[in-house]
N, C-alpha and C. Protein backbone atom coordinates (compact mmCIF):
# COMPACT_ATOMS: atom_id res chain seq x y z
N UNK A 1 11.41 -9.79 -7.87
CA UNK A 1 12.70 -8.77 -8.58
C UNK A 1 11.68 -7.53 -8.36
N UNK A 2 11.91 -6.29 -7.98
CA UNK A 2 10.66 -5.04 -8.42
C UNK A 2 12.00 -4.46 -8.68
N UNK A 3 11.44 -3.41 -9.89
CA UNK A 3 11.87 -2.13 -9.29
C UNK A 3 10.94 -0.90 -10.22
N UNK A 4 11.03 0.64 -9.03
CA UNK A 4 10.18 1.45 -8.92
C UNK A 4 11.03 2.37 -9.60
N UNK A 5 10.29 3.65 -10.27
CA UNK A 5 10.12 4.79 -10.88
C UNK A 5 9.78 5.56 -9.74
N UNK A 6 10.88 5.60 -9.10
CA UNK A 6 10.99 6.81 -7.67
C UNK A 6 11.84 8.78 -7.74
N UNK A 7 11.03 9.42 -8.31
CA UNK A 7 10.94 10.46 -8.54
C UNK A 7 12.06 10.46 -9.36
N UNK A 8 11.73 10.05 -10.51
CA UNK A 8 13.08 10.17 -11.76
C UNK A 8 13.73 8.59 -12.05
N UNK A 9 13.95 8.35 -10.73
CA UNK A 9 14.77 7.36 -10.08
C UNK A 9 14.79 5.35 -10.06
N UNK A 10 14.58 5.28 -10.85
CA UNK A 10 14.80 3.43 -10.88
C UNK A 10 15.59 2.68 -9.41
N UNK A 11 14.38 2.24 -8.81
CA UNK A 11 14.73 1.35 -7.93
C UNK A 11 15.07 0.02 -7.95
N UNK A 12 15.57 -0.74 -7.82
CA UNK A 12 15.71 -1.97 -7.47
C UNK A 12 15.47 -2.82 -6.36
N UNK A 13 14.81 -3.89 -6.36
CA UNK A 13 14.17 -4.00 -4.64
C UNK A 13 14.46 -6.03 -4.83
N UNK A 14 15.39 -5.95 -4.51
CA UNK A 14 15.20 -7.93 -4.53
C UNK A 14 14.30 -8.60 -3.77
N UNK A 15 12.94 -8.36 -3.19
CA UNK A 15 12.47 -8.13 -1.96
C UNK A 15 11.17 -7.33 -2.71
N UNK A 16 10.73 -7.01 -3.41
CA UNK A 16 9.96 -6.55 -4.49
C UNK A 16 9.34 -5.17 -2.56
N UNK A 17 7.92 -5.04 -2.83
CA UNK A 17 7.74 -4.38 -1.89
C UNK A 17 7.87 -4.17 -0.15
N UNK A 18 8.65 -4.82 0.18
CA UNK A 18 8.94 -5.49 1.43
C UNK A 18 10.16 -5.25 1.40
N UNK A 19 10.90 -4.84 0.11
CA UNK A 19 12.74 -3.97 0.51
C UNK A 19 11.76 -2.37 0.61
N UNK A 20 11.13 -2.20 -0.52
CA UNK A 20 11.11 -0.89 -0.61
C UNK A 20 10.15 0.03 0.41
N UNK A 21 9.64 -0.72 1.58
CA UNK A 21 9.02 -0.73 2.80
C UNK A 21 9.83 -0.28 3.81
N UNK A 22 10.76 -1.20 3.85
CA UNK A 22 12.02 -0.77 4.56
C UNK A 22 12.69 0.29 4.54
N UNK A 23 13.41 0.63 3.14
CA UNK A 23 13.41 1.67 2.77
C UNK A 23 12.83 2.79 3.10
N UNK A 24 11.63 2.68 3.16
CA UNK A 24 10.69 4.21 3.17
C UNK A 24 11.01 4.26 4.99
N UNK A 25 11.16 3.03 6.19
CA UNK A 25 11.56 3.72 7.16
C UNK A 25 12.75 3.43 7.84
N UNK A 26 13.68 3.38 6.81
CA UNK A 26 14.01 3.10 7.65
C UNK A 26 15.28 1.68 8.64
N UNK A 27 14.04 0.61 8.29
CA UNK A 27 14.12 -0.05 9.35
C UNK A 27 13.46 -1.76 8.82
N UNK A 28 15.04 -2.44 8.72
CA UNK A 28 15.32 -4.12 7.84
C UNK A 28 14.46 -4.26 8.44
N UNK A 29 13.87 -4.55 10.24
CA UNK A 29 12.85 -5.73 10.93
C UNK A 29 11.81 -5.07 11.37
N UNK A 30 11.41 -4.99 9.90
CA UNK A 30 9.27 -4.29 10.62
C UNK A 30 8.89 -5.59 11.27
N UNK A 31 8.09 -4.52 11.47
CA UNK A 31 7.25 -5.06 12.79
C UNK A 31 5.57 -6.07 11.56
N UNK A 32 6.59 -7.45 11.69
CA UNK A 32 5.40 -8.05 10.52
C UNK A 32 5.23 -6.74 9.97
N UNK A 33 5.15 -6.62 8.97
CA UNK A 33 4.63 -5.88 7.66
C UNK A 33 3.02 -6.76 6.69
N UNK A 34 2.16 -6.11 6.17
CA UNK A 34 1.08 -7.00 5.95
C UNK A 34 1.97 -6.52 4.04
N UNK A 35 1.50 -7.86 3.12
CA UNK A 35 2.12 -8.22 1.78
C UNK A 35 1.05 -8.73 1.88
N UNK A 36 0.31 -8.21 0.66
CA UNK A 36 -0.43 -8.94 -0.32
C UNK A 36 -0.54 -8.96 -1.91
N UNK A 37 -1.35 -9.95 -2.56
CA UNK A 37 -0.32 -10.02 -3.48
C UNK A 37 -1.19 -10.95 -4.39
N UNK A 38 -2.58 -10.86 -5.34
CA UNK A 38 -3.33 -11.08 -6.54
C UNK A 38 -3.36 -10.38 -7.48
N UNK A 39 -3.88 -11.37 -8.41
CA UNK A 39 -2.67 -12.31 -9.64
C UNK A 39 -4.45 -12.55 -10.57
N UNK A 40 -4.97 -11.31 -10.66
CA UNK A 40 -6.43 -11.17 -10.97
C UNK A 40 -5.95 -10.64 -12.83
N UNK A 41 -6.71 -12.03 -13.39
CA UNK A 41 -6.36 -12.02 -14.74
C UNK A 41 -6.37 -10.32 -15.32
N UNK A 42 -6.48 -9.40 -14.89
CA UNK A 42 -7.34 -8.25 -15.40
C UNK A 42 -6.11 -7.30 -15.12
N UNK A 43 -5.94 -7.50 -14.09
CA UNK A 43 -5.01 -6.47 -13.37
C UNK A 43 -4.14 -7.48 -11.95
N UNK A 44 -3.00 -7.35 -12.05
CA UNK A 44 -1.92 -7.24 -10.65
C UNK A 44 -1.89 -6.48 -9.72
N UNK A 45 -2.79 -6.77 -8.72
CA UNK A 45 -2.16 -5.80 -7.92
C UNK A 45 -0.81 -6.47 -6.52
N UNK A 46 0.23 -5.38 -6.40
CA UNK A 46 0.34 -5.89 -5.30
C UNK A 46 0.20 -4.99 -3.82
N UNK A 47 0.10 -4.85 -2.23
CA UNK A 47 0.64 -4.08 -1.78
C UNK A 47 0.23 -4.14 -0.37
N UNK A 48 1.70 -3.45 0.27
CA UNK A 48 2.37 -3.32 1.34
C UNK A 48 1.84 -2.70 2.43
N UNK A 49 1.57 -2.77 3.60
CA UNK A 49 1.08 -1.41 4.86
C UNK A 49 2.12 -2.45 6.22
N UNK A 50 3.21 -1.43 5.95
CA UNK A 50 3.43 -0.83 7.39
C UNK A 50 3.42 -0.02 8.67
N UNK A 51 4.43 -0.32 9.69
CA UNK A 51 3.87 0.81 10.82
C UNK A 51 5.01 1.62 11.16
N UNK A 52 4.41 2.96 10.85
CA UNK A 52 5.56 3.96 10.40
C UNK A 52 5.55 4.26 12.35
N UNK A 53 6.73 5.10 12.47
CA UNK A 53 7.21 5.74 13.08
C UNK A 53 7.43 6.99 12.97
N UNK A 54 6.31 7.85 13.39
CA UNK A 54 5.75 9.18 12.73
C UNK A 54 5.47 9.11 11.75
N UNK A 55 5.50 8.26 10.45
CA UNK A 55 6.37 9.30 9.13
C UNK A 55 5.10 9.05 7.80
N UNK A 56 4.00 8.72 8.71
CA UNK A 56 2.59 7.90 7.95
C UNK A 56 2.64 8.01 6.06
N UNK A 57 2.75 7.27 5.28
CA UNK A 57 3.60 7.99 3.45
C UNK A 57 1.97 7.05 3.07
N UNK A 58 1.45 7.14 1.72
CA UNK A 58 0.82 6.48 0.88
C UNK A 58 1.49 6.57 -0.13
N UNK A 59 1.76 5.21 -1.07
CA UNK A 59 2.61 5.81 -2.71
C UNK A 59 1.83 4.61 -3.05
N UNK A 60 1.66 4.97 -4.95
CA UNK A 60 0.81 4.60 -5.89
C UNK A 60 1.68 4.50 -6.94
N UNK A 61 1.70 2.96 -7.18
CA UNK A 61 2.64 2.81 -8.57
C UNK A 61 1.86 2.08 -9.68
N UNK A 62 1.47 2.55 -11.25
CA UNK A 62 1.28 1.92 -12.21
C UNK A 62 2.14 1.09 -13.15
N UNK A 63 1.88 -0.04 -12.57
CA UNK A 63 3.51 0.23 -13.83
C UNK A 63 4.84 0.60 -14.03
N UNK A 64 5.00 -0.09 -12.74
CA UNK A 64 6.30 0.08 -11.56
C UNK A 64 6.01 2.18 -11.77
N UNK A 65 5.82 2.85 -12.41
CA UNK A 65 6.22 3.43 -12.36
C UNK A 65 4.73 4.82 -10.97
N UNK A 66 4.63 5.77 -10.77
CA UNK A 66 4.30 6.60 -9.13
C UNK A 66 3.29 6.69 -10.27
N UNK A 67 1.68 7.14 -9.21
CA UNK A 67 0.84 7.36 -9.87
C UNK A 67 0.22 7.47 -8.52
N UNK A 68 -1.09 8.17 -9.51
CA UNK A 68 -2.55 8.62 -7.95
C UNK A 68 -3.46 7.97 -8.78
N UNK A 69 -4.25 7.83 -8.08
CA UNK A 69 -5.85 7.39 -8.92
C UNK A 69 -6.47 6.65 -7.74
N UNK A 70 -7.53 5.80 -8.45
CA UNK A 70 -8.07 5.07 -7.89
C UNK A 70 -7.58 3.22 -7.19
N UNK A 71 -6.59 2.82 -7.85
CA UNK A 71 -6.13 2.45 -6.67
C UNK A 71 -5.80 2.33 -5.31
N UNK A 72 -5.17 4.56 -5.74
CA UNK A 72 -4.89 4.55 -3.97
C UNK A 72 -5.72 5.35 -3.34
N UNK A 73 -6.56 5.62 -4.09
CA UNK A 73 -7.82 5.58 -2.74
C UNK A 73 -8.32 4.58 -2.56
N UNK A 74 -8.75 3.73 -3.42
CA UNK A 74 -8.75 2.40 -2.75
C UNK A 74 -7.93 2.34 -1.38
N UNK A 75 -7.23 1.51 -1.08
CA UNK A 75 -5.46 2.04 -0.57
C UNK A 75 -6.61 2.40 1.09
N UNK A 76 -6.18 3.67 0.85
CA UNK A 76 -6.63 4.26 1.83
C UNK A 76 -8.26 4.12 2.53
N UNK A 77 -9.18 3.72 1.51
CA UNK A 77 -10.49 3.54 2.01
C UNK A 77 -10.61 1.94 2.77
N UNK A 78 -9.67 0.77 2.15
CA UNK A 78 -9.53 -0.93 2.93
C UNK A 78 -9.02 -0.04 3.33
N UNK A 79 -8.41 0.23 4.37
CA UNK A 79 -7.05 1.04 5.48
C UNK A 79 -8.14 1.53 6.49
N UNK A 80 -8.76 2.28 6.32
CA UNK A 80 -10.24 3.12 7.14
C UNK A 80 -10.92 1.88 8.13
N UNK A 81 -11.25 0.85 7.07
CA UNK A 81 -12.34 0.16 6.59
C UNK A 81 -11.94 -1.02 8.04
N UNK A 82 -10.68 -1.62 7.39
CA UNK A 82 -10.11 -2.21 8.42
C UNK A 82 -9.54 -2.03 9.85
N UNK A 83 -10.13 -0.42 10.50
CA UNK A 83 -9.00 0.26 11.48
C UNK A 83 -10.83 0.65 11.75
N UNK A 84 -11.72 0.75 11.22
CA UNK A 84 -12.71 1.09 11.78
C UNK A 84 -13.33 1.41 13.73
N UNK A 85 -12.97 1.67 14.51
CA UNK A 85 -14.08 1.15 15.35
C UNK A 85 -12.37 1.04 16.31
N UNK A 86 -11.25 0.82 15.92
CA UNK A 86 -10.25 0.35 16.71
C UNK A 86 -9.35 1.88 16.56
N UNK A 87 -9.29 2.84 15.84
CA UNK A 87 -8.34 4.55 16.33
C UNK A 87 -9.10 5.10 15.39
N UNK A 88 -9.20 6.90 15.72
CA UNK A 88 -9.80 7.39 14.33
C UNK A 88 -8.39 8.48 13.16
N UNK A 89 -9.24 7.21 12.11
CA UNK A 89 -8.02 7.66 10.92
C UNK A 89 -7.35 8.64 11.14
N UNK A 90 -7.64 9.77 11.56
CA UNK A 90 -6.45 10.64 11.40
C UNK A 90 -5.55 10.83 12.72
N UNK A 91 -5.82 10.04 14.08
CA UNK A 91 -5.27 9.40 14.04
C UNK A 91 -3.93 8.10 14.13
N UNK A 92 -4.43 7.13 12.59
CA UNK A 92 -3.74 6.25 12.92
C UNK A 92 -2.70 6.61 11.28
N UNK A 93 -3.58 7.41 10.29
CA UNK A 93 -2.73 8.35 9.02
C UNK A 93 -1.21 8.28 9.64
N UNK A 94 -0.49 8.80 10.31
CA UNK A 94 0.62 8.64 10.64
C UNK A 94 1.36 7.89 11.42
N UNK A 95 0.93 6.60 10.84
CA UNK A 95 1.61 5.65 11.66
C UNK A 95 1.61 4.37 10.84
N UNK A 96 0.98 4.84 9.81
CA UNK A 96 1.10 3.36 8.06
C UNK A 96 1.67 4.28 6.91
N UNK A 97 2.90 3.43 6.86
CA UNK A 97 3.34 3.62 5.69
C UNK A 97 2.86 2.34 4.17
N UNK A 98 1.66 2.79 3.82
CA UNK A 98 1.01 1.68 2.96
C UNK A 98 2.09 1.73 1.14
N UNK A 99 1.91 0.58 0.74
CA UNK A 99 2.24 0.88 -1.05
C UNK A 99 1.18 0.28 -2.26
N UNK A 100 0.86 0.88 -2.94
CA UNK A 100 -0.07 -0.03 -4.12
C UNK A 100 0.43 -0.22 -5.61
N UNK A 101 0.79 -1.17 -6.20
CA UNK A 101 1.40 -1.53 -7.03
C UNK A 101 0.41 -2.14 -8.29
N UNK A 102 -0.55 -1.56 -9.16
CA UNK A 102 -0.32 -2.18 -10.73
C UNK A 102 0.14 -2.96 -11.25
N UNK A 103 -0.28 -3.64 -11.97
CA UNK A 103 -0.42 -3.51 -14.15
C UNK A 103 -1.69 -3.94 -14.43
N UNK A 104 -1.30 -2.81 -14.65
CA UNK A 104 -2.41 -2.47 -16.37
C UNK A 104 -2.40 -2.57 -17.93
N UNK A 105 -3.35 -3.67 -18.51
CA UNK A 105 -2.79 -3.71 -19.69
C UNK A 105 -2.52 -2.10 -20.61
N UNK A 106 -4.09 -1.67 -20.11
CA UNK A 106 -3.90 -0.63 -20.73
C UNK A 106 -4.52 0.41 -19.54
N UNK A 107 -4.07 1.11 -18.99
CA UNK A 107 -3.75 2.34 -17.97
C UNK A 107 -4.41 3.71 -18.59
N UNK A 108 -5.50 3.95 -18.03
CA UNK A 108 -6.13 5.20 -18.43
C UNK A 108 -6.07 6.41 -17.91
N UNK A 109 -4.03 6.70 -18.00
CA UNK A 109 -3.61 7.87 -17.59
C UNK A 109 -3.80 9.18 -17.99
N UNK A 110 -3.91 10.03 -16.31
CA UNK A 110 -4.25 11.24 -17.14
C UNK A 110 -3.66 12.38 -18.36
N UNK A 111 -3.35 13.68 -17.79
CA UNK A 111 -2.81 13.66 -19.46
C UNK A 111 -1.80 13.81 -18.76
N UNK A 112 -0.80 14.33 -17.92
CA UNK A 112 0.68 14.67 -17.12
C UNK A 112 1.00 13.19 -16.82
N UNK A 113 0.14 11.73 -16.61
CA UNK A 113 0.65 10.46 -16.49
C UNK A 113 0.62 10.90 -14.76
N UNK A 114 0.24 11.62 -13.78
CA UNK A 114 0.55 11.29 -12.38
C UNK A 114 -0.71 10.62 -11.81
N UNK A 115 -1.48 10.79 -12.42
CA UNK A 115 -3.32 9.34 -11.97
C UNK A 115 -3.61 9.24 -13.14
N UNK A 116 -3.97 7.27 -12.75
CA UNK A 116 -4.88 6.63 -13.50
C UNK A 116 -6.41 7.22 -13.39
N UNK A 117 -7.48 7.14 -14.34
CA UNK A 117 -8.00 6.41 -13.88
C UNK A 117 -9.25 5.67 -14.65
N UNK A 118 -8.68 4.36 -14.52
CA UNK A 118 -9.44 3.02 -14.31
C UNK A 118 -9.37 3.22 -12.98
N UNK A 119 -11.04 3.54 -12.79
CA UNK A 119 -11.94 3.21 -11.49
C UNK A 119 -12.08 2.17 -11.07
N UNK A 120 -12.73 0.90 -11.98
CA UNK A 120 -11.98 -0.31 -11.90
C UNK A 120 -11.45 -1.31 -10.75
N UNK A 121 -10.45 -0.56 -10.18
CA UNK A 121 -9.68 -0.99 -9.63
C UNK A 121 -9.71 -0.75 -8.63
N UNK A 122 -10.50 0.34 -8.10
CA UNK A 122 -10.28 0.75 -6.91
C UNK A 122 -11.62 0.07 -5.51
N UNK A 123 -12.46 -1.15 -5.99
CA UNK A 123 -12.64 -1.81 -5.48
C UNK A 123 -12.14 -2.73 -5.46
N UNK A 124 -11.28 -3.12 -6.42
CA UNK A 124 -10.92 -4.97 -5.82
C UNK A 124 -9.77 -3.64 -5.08
N UNK A 125 -9.35 -2.71 -5.13
CA UNK A 125 -8.48 -3.17 -4.17
C UNK A 125 -9.07 -2.70 -2.58
N UNK A 126 -9.84 -1.74 -2.12
CA UNK A 126 -10.15 -1.89 -1.02
C UNK A 126 -10.76 -3.18 -0.74
N UNK A 127 -11.54 -3.52 -1.28
CA UNK A 127 -11.85 -5.19 -1.09
C UNK A 127 -10.76 -6.05 -0.40
N UNK A 128 -9.44 -5.98 -0.59
CA UNK A 128 -7.81 -6.78 -1.26
C UNK A 128 -7.61 -6.65 0.03
N UNK A 129 -7.55 -4.61 0.39
CA UNK A 129 -6.27 -4.11 2.14
C UNK A 129 -7.64 -4.62 3.28
N UNK A 130 -8.94 -4.29 2.81
CA UNK A 130 -10.35 -4.47 4.27
C UNK A 130 -9.64 -6.47 4.50
N UNK A 131 -9.65 -6.76 3.60
CA UNK A 131 -9.40 -9.33 4.25
C UNK A 131 -8.02 -9.10 4.12
N UNK A 132 -7.52 -8.86 3.90
CA UNK A 132 -5.44 -8.80 4.17
C UNK A 132 -5.69 -7.83 5.61
N UNK A 133 -6.14 -6.84 5.72
CA UNK A 133 -5.56 -6.38 7.53
C UNK A 133 -6.25 -7.08 7.99
N UNK A 134 -7.75 -7.03 8.42
CA UNK A 134 -8.51 -8.14 9.28
C UNK A 134 -7.86 -9.34 9.35
N UNK A 135 -8.07 -10.38 8.50
CA UNK A 135 -6.79 -11.14 8.31
C UNK A 135 -5.81 -11.30 9.17
N UNK A 136 -4.52 -9.43 8.85
CA UNK A 136 -2.97 -9.90 9.49
C UNK A 136 -3.81 -9.10 10.81
N UNK A 137 -4.31 -8.95 11.72
CA UNK A 137 -4.29 -8.91 12.58
C UNK A 137 -4.98 -9.65 13.73
N UNK A 138 -5.42 -10.65 12.96
CA UNK A 138 -5.48 -11.85 13.51
C UNK A 138 -3.82 -12.84 13.86
N UNK A 139 -3.73 -12.57 12.66
CA UNK A 139 -1.97 -13.49 12.81
C UNK A 139 -0.84 -12.53 13.11
N UNK A 140 -1.57 -11.57 13.09
CA UNK A 140 0.69 -10.62 13.27
C UNK A 140 0.21 -9.53 14.78
N UNK A 141 -1.24 -10.39 15.68
CA UNK A 141 -1.83 -9.29 16.84
C UNK A 141 -0.34 -8.09 16.61
N UNK A 142 0.80 -8.12 16.79
CA UNK A 142 2.42 -7.22 17.00
C UNK A 142 2.01 -6.41 16.07
N UNK A 143 1.54 -6.20 15.34
CA UNK A 143 1.77 -4.92 13.97
C UNK A 143 -0.01 -4.45 14.40
N UNK A 144 -1.20 -5.04 14.59
CA UNK A 144 -2.15 -3.97 15.73
C UNK A 144 -1.59 -2.93 16.48
N UNK A 145 -0.95 -3.90 17.65
CA UNK A 145 -0.48 -3.01 18.55
C UNK A 145 0.48 -2.09 18.13
N UNK A 146 1.33 -2.25 17.99
CA UNK A 146 2.52 -0.97 17.03
C UNK A 146 1.54 -0.03 16.90
N UNK A 147 0.78 -0.14 16.22
CA UNK A 147 0.04 1.17 15.15
C UNK A 147 -1.05 1.06 16.83
N UNK A 148 -1.50 1.17 17.12
CA UNK A 148 -2.68 1.59 18.26
C UNK A 148 -1.81 2.10 18.88
N UNK A 149 -0.72 1.26 19.60
CA UNK A 149 -0.30 2.31 20.66
C UNK A 149 1.04 3.12 20.56
N UNK A 150 1.20 3.65 19.20
CA UNK A 150 1.74 4.94 18.93
C UNK A 150 0.49 5.81 18.28
N UNK A 151 -0.84 5.46 18.05
CA UNK A 151 -1.55 6.87 18.20
C UNK A 151 -1.86 7.66 19.36
């Protein structure tokens, strides 16, 4: 069970980020979405990436609240690295919905809490996304095919 604060509204998802992806894509039967979880002793990370039908979107959350920062930068950098050589990023971005959620003991927010400055999270997320996507391309080729055919 995951409850996210989206646009000031708390939304509960029994299957966590996978249900949130289905909500964003209006498609409960996603093409083999990628779902990654890490239980780093300092930082809990959950990531979900799915094929989108011309409605690409990237979302970041920290401790259930929507915000940007290094975790979102890491998500984008990891996706760019994994797709490098397959298609140019500007052609791919509209076909991906990606979400990263962190659990941090001490988030370092900016003044209006719209972003975090915990830069140590970015390299963790980059590695996790790149490795996870490359493995997912091999295990679920329909995922990669759906995205590349849409570009």
